[in-house]
């Protein structure tokens, strides 16, 4: 199920905080830096689920179910947000400012396998915030 989770620190003391981001099995973790205005995604996956954790900056997220009558949904993601994108959901992200985020995938990106499960498509990025 698609959702956005606000990650809060699990532990706080005088040294700082510890936040638990994800407790799911993953095969790939990446860190992506996007310049303001950059668009990423515009695809879906049949096998892989993705988790996107915002480290810094701000992004607009666009999602759409594969059903032809589905509407595009838009959300603003800020530091501490974990976006959960299940299989078969078209997704794209537009950086509203310079943004750094972690991406966790349930399938590997090794040896071109990521592209085998990446299906490029169009999605309307003109949705209101």
N, C-alpha and C. Protein backbone atom coordinates (compact mmCIF):
# COMPACT_ATOMS: atom_id res chain seq x y z
N UNK A 1 0.84 -1.17 0.00
CA UNK A 1 0.00 0.00 0.00
C UNK A 1 0.90 1.25 0.00
N UNK A 2 0.62 2.17 -0.90
CA UNK A 2 1.38 3.42 -0.96
C UNK A 2 1.09 4.24 0.29
N UNK A 3 2.15 4.79 0.89
CA UNK A 3 1.95 5.70 2.01
C UNK A 3 3.22 6.47 2.30
N UNK A 4 3.08 7.52 3.08
CA UNK A 4 4.20 8.33 3.54
C UNK A 4 4.21 8.25 5.06
N UNK A 5 5.38 7.93 5.61
CA UNK A 5 5.54 7.80 7.05
C UNK A 5 6.48 8.90 7.52
N UNK A 6 6.10 9.62 8.56
CA UNK A 6 6.96 10.63 9.19
C UNK A 6 7.85 9.91 10.20
N UNK A 7 9.13 9.82 9.89
CA UNK A 7 10.07 9.12 10.76
C UNK A 7 10.47 10.05 11.91
N UNK A 8 10.29 9.56 13.12
CA UNK A 8 10.66 10.32 14.32
C UNK A 8 11.78 9.57 15.03
N UNK A 9 12.62 10.27 15.75
CA UNK A 9 13.70 9.59 16.46
C UNK A 9 13.16 8.52 17.41
N UNK A 10 13.83 7.37 17.42
CA UNK A 10 13.48 6.28 18.33
C UNK A 10 14.25 6.44 19.64
N UNK A 11 15.34 7.20 19.60
CA UNK A 11 16.17 7.38 20.78
C UNK A 11 16.79 8.77 20.74
N UNK A 12 16.75 9.45 21.88
CA UNK A 12 17.34 10.79 21.99
C UNK A 12 18.11 10.87 23.30
N UNK A 13 19.34 11.37 23.23
CA UNK A 13 20.08 11.71 24.43
C UNK A 13 21.00 12.89 24.13
N UNK A 14 21.91 13.20 25.04
CA UNK A 14 22.77 14.36 24.86
C UNK A 14 23.69 14.25 23.64
N UNK A 15 23.91 13.06 23.13
CA UNK A 15 24.78 12.87 21.96
C UNK A 15 24.05 13.14 20.65
N UNK A 16 22.71 13.07 20.67
CA UNK A 16 21.92 13.26 19.46
C UNK A 16 20.77 12.29 19.40
N UNK A 17 20.44 11.84 18.18
CA UNK A 17 19.27 10.99 17.98
C UNK A 17 19.61 9.75 17.16
N UNK A 18 18.77 8.74 17.29
CA UNK A 18 18.81 7.56 16.43
C UNK A 18 17.40 7.40 15.87
N UNK A 19 17.29 7.31 14.55
CA UNK A 19 16.00 7.11 13.90
C UNK A 19 16.02 5.80 13.15
N UNK A 20 15.01 4.98 13.34
CA UNK A 20 14.86 3.73 12.60
C UNK A 20 14.07 4.04 11.34
N UNK A 21 14.72 3.90 10.18
CA UNK A 21 14.09 4.28 8.92
C UNK A 21 13.27 3.14 8.33
N UNK A 22 13.84 1.93 8.30
CA UNK A 22 13.18 0.85 7.58
C UNK A 22 13.49 -0.49 8.24
N UNK A 23 12.47 -1.31 8.40
CA UNK A 23 12.64 -2.65 8.92
C UNK A 23 12.03 -3.65 7.95
N UNK A 24 12.52 -3.62 6.72
CA UNK A 24 12.07 -4.50 5.65
C UNK A 24 13.30 -5.03 4.93
N UNK A 25 13.23 -6.25 4.38
CA UNK A 25 14.38 -6.74 3.60
C UNK A 25 14.54 -5.95 2.30
N UNK A 26 15.76 -5.52 2.00
CA UNK A 26 16.04 -4.81 0.75
C UNK A 26 17.28 -5.42 0.10
N UNK A 27 17.39 -5.23 -1.22
CA UNK A 27 18.53 -5.73 -1.97
C UNK A 27 19.44 -4.62 -2.46
N UNK A 28 18.96 -3.38 -2.38
CA UNK A 28 19.77 -2.26 -2.86
C UNK A 28 19.45 -1.02 -2.04
N UNK A 29 20.50 -0.28 -1.71
CA UNK A 29 20.35 1.03 -1.06
C UNK A 29 21.20 2.01 -1.86
N UNK A 30 20.60 3.12 -2.25
CA UNK A 30 21.32 4.15 -2.99
C UNK A 30 21.09 5.51 -2.37
N UNK A 31 22.01 6.42 -2.65
CA UNK A 31 21.82 7.81 -2.22
C UNK A 31 21.84 8.66 -3.47
N UNK A 32 20.86 9.53 -3.61
CA UNK A 32 20.70 10.34 -4.82
C UNK A 32 20.67 11.81 -4.43
N UNK A 33 21.42 12.61 -5.15
CA UNK A 33 21.40 14.06 -4.97
C UNK A 33 20.78 14.65 -6.23
N UNK A 34 19.69 15.39 -6.08
CA UNK A 34 19.00 16.00 -7.22
C UNK A 34 19.05 17.52 -7.09
N UNK A 35 19.39 18.16 -8.19
CA UNK A 35 19.38 19.62 -8.24
C UNK A 35 17.94 20.11 -8.32
N UNK A 36 17.67 21.31 -7.84
CA UNK A 36 16.33 21.89 -7.91
C UNK A 36 15.83 21.85 -9.35
N UNK A 37 14.61 21.38 -9.53
CA UNK A 37 13.99 21.29 -10.85
C UNK A 37 14.18 19.93 -11.53
N UNK A 38 15.10 19.11 -11.03
CA UNK A 38 15.35 17.80 -11.65
C UNK A 38 14.15 16.88 -11.44
N UNK A 39 13.86 16.07 -12.45
CA UNK A 39 12.78 15.08 -12.39
C UNK A 39 13.40 13.69 -12.46
N UNK A 40 12.96 12.83 -11.58
CA UNK A 40 13.44 11.45 -11.56
C UNK A 40 12.24 10.51 -11.58
N UNK A 41 12.47 9.32 -12.08
CA UNK A 41 11.41 8.30 -12.09
C UNK A 41 10.66 8.27 -13.39
N UNK A 42 9.36 8.50 -13.33
CA UNK A 42 8.44 8.35 -14.47
C UNK A 42 8.47 6.90 -14.96
N UNK A 43 8.28 6.00 -14.00
CA UNK A 43 8.28 4.57 -14.31
C UNK A 43 7.54 3.81 -13.20
N UNK A 44 7.44 2.50 -13.39
CA UNK A 44 6.92 1.61 -12.35
C UNK A 44 7.71 0.32 -12.41
N UNK A 45 7.53 -0.52 -11.39
CA UNK A 45 8.21 -1.80 -11.29
C UNK A 45 7.17 -2.89 -11.08
N UNK A 46 7.35 -4.02 -11.73
CA UNK A 46 6.44 -5.15 -11.53
C UNK A 46 6.82 -5.97 -10.30
N UNK A 47 8.14 -6.05 -9.99
CA UNK A 47 8.59 -6.89 -8.88
C UNK A 47 9.08 -6.09 -7.68
N UNK A 48 9.74 -4.99 -7.91
CA UNK A 48 10.41 -4.26 -6.84
C UNK A 48 9.50 -3.23 -6.16
N UNK A 49 9.53 -3.22 -4.85
CA UNK A 49 8.95 -2.12 -4.08
C UNK A 49 10.09 -1.15 -3.79
N UNK A 50 9.79 0.13 -3.63
CA UNK A 50 10.81 1.12 -3.33
C UNK A 50 10.41 1.94 -2.11
N UNK A 51 11.42 2.30 -1.35
CA UNK A 51 11.26 3.15 -0.17
C UNK A 51 12.18 4.35 -0.38
N UNK A 52 11.64 5.54 -0.24
CA UNK A 52 12.41 6.76 -0.48
C UNK A 52 12.40 7.58 0.81
N UNK A 53 13.61 7.85 1.33
CA UNK A 53 13.76 8.59 2.58
C UNK A 53 14.46 9.91 2.30
N UNK A 54 13.81 11.02 2.65
CA UNK A 54 14.36 12.35 2.37
C UNK A 54 15.33 12.73 3.49
N UNK A 55 16.58 13.00 3.08
CA UNK A 55 17.62 13.42 4.01
C UNK A 55 17.63 14.94 4.14
N UNK A 56 17.60 15.63 2.99
CA UNK A 56 17.59 17.09 3.00
C UNK A 56 16.88 17.59 1.74
N UNK A 57 16.39 18.83 1.81
CA UNK A 57 15.71 19.42 0.66
C UNK A 57 14.22 19.18 0.68
N UNK A 58 13.60 19.27 -0.50
CA UNK A 58 12.15 19.11 -0.62
C UNK A 58 11.84 18.61 -2.03
N UNK A 59 10.97 17.60 -2.12
CA UNK A 59 10.56 17.03 -3.40
C UNK A 59 9.05 16.95 -3.49
N UNK A 60 8.56 17.06 -4.71
CA UNK A 60 7.16 16.78 -4.97
C UNK A 60 7.09 15.38 -5.55
N UNK A 61 6.26 14.54 -4.96
CA UNK A 61 6.09 13.16 -5.39
C UNK A 61 4.80 13.06 -6.20
N UNK A 62 4.86 12.29 -7.27
CA UNK A 62 3.69 12.05 -8.12
C UNK A 62 3.51 10.54 -8.22
N UNK A 63 2.31 10.04 -7.96
CA UNK A 63 2.04 8.61 -8.07
C UNK A 63 0.72 8.40 -8.79
N UNK A 64 0.64 7.24 -9.43
CA UNK A 64 -0.60 6.90 -10.15
C UNK A 64 -0.67 5.38 -10.24
N UNK A 65 -1.84 4.83 -9.97
CA UNK A 65 -2.04 3.41 -10.16
C UNK A 65 -2.07 3.11 -11.65
N UNK A 66 -1.76 1.89 -12.04
CA UNK A 66 -1.70 1.54 -13.46
C UNK A 66 -3.06 1.54 -14.13
N UNK A 67 -4.14 1.44 -13.38
CA UNK A 67 -5.49 1.49 -13.92
C UNK A 67 -5.64 2.74 -14.77
N UNK A 68 -6.11 2.60 -15.99
CA UNK A 68 -6.22 3.71 -16.93
C UNK A 68 -7.04 4.88 -16.42
N UNK A 69 -8.00 4.65 -15.53
CA UNK A 69 -8.84 5.73 -15.03
C UNK A 69 -8.30 6.38 -13.76
N UNK A 70 -7.17 5.90 -13.29
CA UNK A 70 -6.62 6.41 -12.03
C UNK A 70 -6.13 7.85 -12.20
N UNK A 71 -6.19 8.60 -11.12
CA UNK A 71 -5.73 9.98 -11.14
C UNK A 71 -4.34 10.07 -10.52
N UNK A 72 -3.61 11.09 -10.92
CA UNK A 72 -2.28 11.33 -10.36
C UNK A 72 -2.46 11.98 -8.99
N UNK A 73 -1.72 11.46 -8.01
CA UNK A 73 -1.73 12.04 -6.67
C UNK A 73 -0.37 12.69 -6.44
N UNK A 74 -0.37 13.80 -5.72
CA UNK A 74 0.85 14.56 -5.49
C UNK A 74 1.02 14.83 -3.99
N UNK A 75 2.26 14.69 -3.54
CA UNK A 75 2.59 14.95 -2.13
C UNK A 75 3.91 15.69 -2.07
N UNK A 76 4.10 16.47 -1.03
CA UNK A 76 5.38 17.11 -0.77
C UNK A 76 6.14 16.26 0.24
N UNK A 77 7.38 15.94 -0.07
CA UNK A 77 8.24 15.16 0.81
C UNK A 77 9.33 16.06 1.37
N UNK A 78 9.54 16.00 2.67
CA UNK A 78 10.54 16.82 3.37
C UNK A 78 11.41 15.90 4.22
N UNK A 79 12.52 16.43 4.75
CA UNK A 79 13.41 15.59 5.56
C UNK A 79 12.65 14.85 6.66
N UNK A 80 12.97 13.55 6.77
CA UNK A 80 12.30 12.70 7.74
C UNK A 80 11.13 11.92 7.18
N UNK A 81 10.72 12.22 5.94
CA UNK A 81 9.62 11.48 5.31
C UNK A 81 10.15 10.20 4.66
N UNK A 82 9.43 9.11 4.84
CA UNK A 82 9.70 7.84 4.17
C UNK A 82 8.50 7.55 3.28
N UNK A 83 8.73 7.56 1.98
CA UNK A 83 7.67 7.25 1.01
C UNK A 83 7.77 5.78 0.66
N UNK A 84 6.66 5.07 0.74
CA UNK A 84 6.62 3.65 0.42
C UNK A 84 5.86 3.48 -0.89
N UNK A 85 6.57 3.00 -1.92
CA UNK A 85 5.98 2.85 -3.26
C UNK A 85 5.95 1.36 -3.61
N UNK A 86 4.78 0.73 -3.53
CA UNK A 86 4.70 -0.69 -3.86
C UNK A 86 4.84 -0.94 -5.37
N UNK A 87 4.90 -2.22 -5.71
CA UNK A 87 4.95 -2.61 -7.11
C UNK A 87 3.72 -2.08 -7.84
N UNK A 88 3.88 -1.88 -9.15
CA UNK A 88 2.78 -1.52 -10.05
C UNK A 88 2.20 -0.13 -9.81
N UNK A 89 2.96 0.77 -9.17
CA UNK A 89 2.55 2.16 -8.98
C UNK A 89 3.50 3.04 -9.78
N UNK A 90 2.97 3.80 -10.72
CA UNK A 90 3.80 4.75 -11.47
C UNK A 90 4.23 5.84 -10.50
N UNK A 91 5.52 6.18 -10.54
CA UNK A 91 6.02 7.20 -9.63
C UNK A 91 7.06 8.08 -10.29
N UNK A 92 7.08 9.34 -9.86
CA UNK A 92 8.05 10.33 -10.33
C UNK A 92 8.27 11.32 -9.21
N UNK A 93 9.42 11.99 -9.26
CA UNK A 93 9.75 12.98 -8.22
C UNK A 93 10.37 14.19 -8.87
N UNK A 94 9.96 15.36 -8.42
CA UNK A 94 10.54 16.61 -8.89
C UNK A 94 11.14 17.32 -7.68
N UNK A 95 12.44 17.63 -7.76
CA UNK A 95 13.11 18.34 -6.68
C UNK A 95 12.67 19.79 -6.69
N UNK A 96 12.08 20.23 -5.60
CA UNK A 96 11.64 21.62 -5.47
C UNK A 96 12.79 22.51 -5.01
N UNK A 97 13.81 21.88 -4.46
CA UNK A 97 15.07 22.53 -4.11
C UNK A 97 16.13 21.44 -4.15
N UNK A 98 17.40 21.79 -4.06
CA UNK A 98 18.42 20.75 -4.04
C UNK A 98 18.05 19.74 -2.95
N UNK A 99 18.02 18.45 -3.32
CA UNK A 99 17.50 17.42 -2.42
C UNK A 99 18.41 16.20 -2.42
N UNK A 100 18.61 15.64 -1.25
CA UNK A 100 19.34 14.38 -1.09
C UNK A 100 18.38 13.37 -0.49
N UNK A 101 18.32 12.18 -1.09
CA UNK A 101 17.44 11.15 -0.55
C UNK A 101 18.07 9.77 -0.71
N UNK A 102 17.66 8.88 0.19
CA UNK A 102 18.05 7.48 0.13
C UNK A 102 16.95 6.71 -0.57
N UNK A 103 17.34 5.76 -1.40
CA UNK A 103 16.34 4.89 -2.02
C UNK A 103 16.69 3.44 -1.68
N UNK A 104 15.69 2.71 -1.22
CA UNK A 104 15.84 1.31 -0.86
C UNK A 104 14.95 0.52 -1.81
N UNK A 105 15.48 -0.54 -2.42
CA UNK A 105 14.70 -1.35 -3.36
C UNK A 105 14.72 -2.81 -2.92
N UNK A 106 13.62 -3.49 -3.11
CA UNK A 106 13.55 -4.90 -2.74
C UNK A 106 14.20 -5.81 -3.77
N UNK A 107 14.48 -5.29 -4.96
CA UNK A 107 15.18 -6.05 -5.99
C UNK A 107 16.55 -5.41 -6.24
N UNK A 108 17.49 -6.20 -6.68
CA UNK A 108 18.85 -5.73 -6.90
C UNK A 108 18.96 -4.86 -8.15
N UNK A 109 19.96 -3.98 -8.17
CA UNK A 109 20.29 -3.19 -9.36
C UNK A 109 21.50 -3.80 -10.05
N UNK A 110 22.00 -4.90 -9.53
CA UNK A 110 23.20 -5.55 -10.02
C UNK A 110 23.01 -6.09 -11.44
N UNK A 111 24.03 -5.98 -12.26
CA UNK A 111 24.07 -6.57 -13.61
C UNK A 111 22.87 -6.20 -14.47
N UNK A 112 22.38 -4.96 -14.36
CA UNK A 112 21.30 -4.50 -15.22
C UNK A 112 19.92 -4.99 -14.84
N UNK A 113 19.81 -5.71 -13.73
CA UNK A 113 18.51 -6.26 -13.34
C UNK A 113 17.49 -5.16 -13.02
N UNK A 114 17.97 -3.99 -12.57
CA UNK A 114 17.06 -2.90 -12.28
C UNK A 114 16.28 -2.52 -13.54
N UNK A 115 16.99 -2.41 -14.65
CA UNK A 115 16.33 -2.02 -15.90
C UNK A 115 15.36 -3.09 -16.40
N UNK A 116 15.59 -4.35 -16.05
CA UNK A 116 14.67 -5.41 -16.45
C UNK A 116 13.31 -5.24 -15.78
N UNK A 117 13.28 -4.58 -14.63
CA UNK A 117 12.03 -4.40 -13.87
C UNK A 117 11.62 -2.92 -13.82
N UNK A 118 12.14 -2.12 -14.74
CA UNK A 118 11.79 -0.70 -14.80
C UNK A 118 11.03 -0.44 -16.09
N UNK A 119 9.79 -0.02 -15.97
CA UNK A 119 8.93 0.20 -17.13
C UNK A 119 8.63 1.69 -17.22
N UNK A 120 9.26 2.34 -18.17
CA UNK A 120 9.15 3.80 -18.35
C UNK A 120 7.76 4.15 -18.87
N UNK A 121 7.25 5.27 -18.39
CA UNK A 121 5.92 5.73 -18.80
C UNK A 121 5.83 7.23 -18.55
N UNK A 122 4.77 7.82 -18.97
CA UNK A 122 4.54 9.25 -18.71
C UNK A 122 3.60 9.40 -17.52
N UNK A 123 3.74 10.51 -16.85
CA UNK A 123 2.87 10.85 -15.72
C UNK A 123 2.79 12.37 -15.69
N UNK A 124 1.60 12.90 -15.45
CA UNK A 124 1.37 14.34 -15.44
C UNK A 124 2.05 14.95 -14.21
N UNK A 125 3.04 15.82 -14.45
CA UNK A 125 3.76 16.48 -13.37
C UNK A 125 3.24 17.88 -13.09
N UNK A 126 2.08 18.20 -13.56
CA UNK A 126 1.50 19.54 -13.36
C UNK A 126 0.43 19.53 -12.30
N UNK A 127 0.49 18.57 -11.42
CA UNK A 127 -0.52 18.48 -10.35
C UNK A 127 -0.28 19.57 -9.31
N UNK A 128 -1.34 20.14 -8.78
CA UNK A 128 -1.17 21.14 -7.72
C UNK A 128 -0.60 20.49 -6.47
N UNK A 129 0.07 21.29 -5.68
CA UNK A 129 0.67 20.79 -4.44
C UNK A 129 -0.40 20.73 -3.37
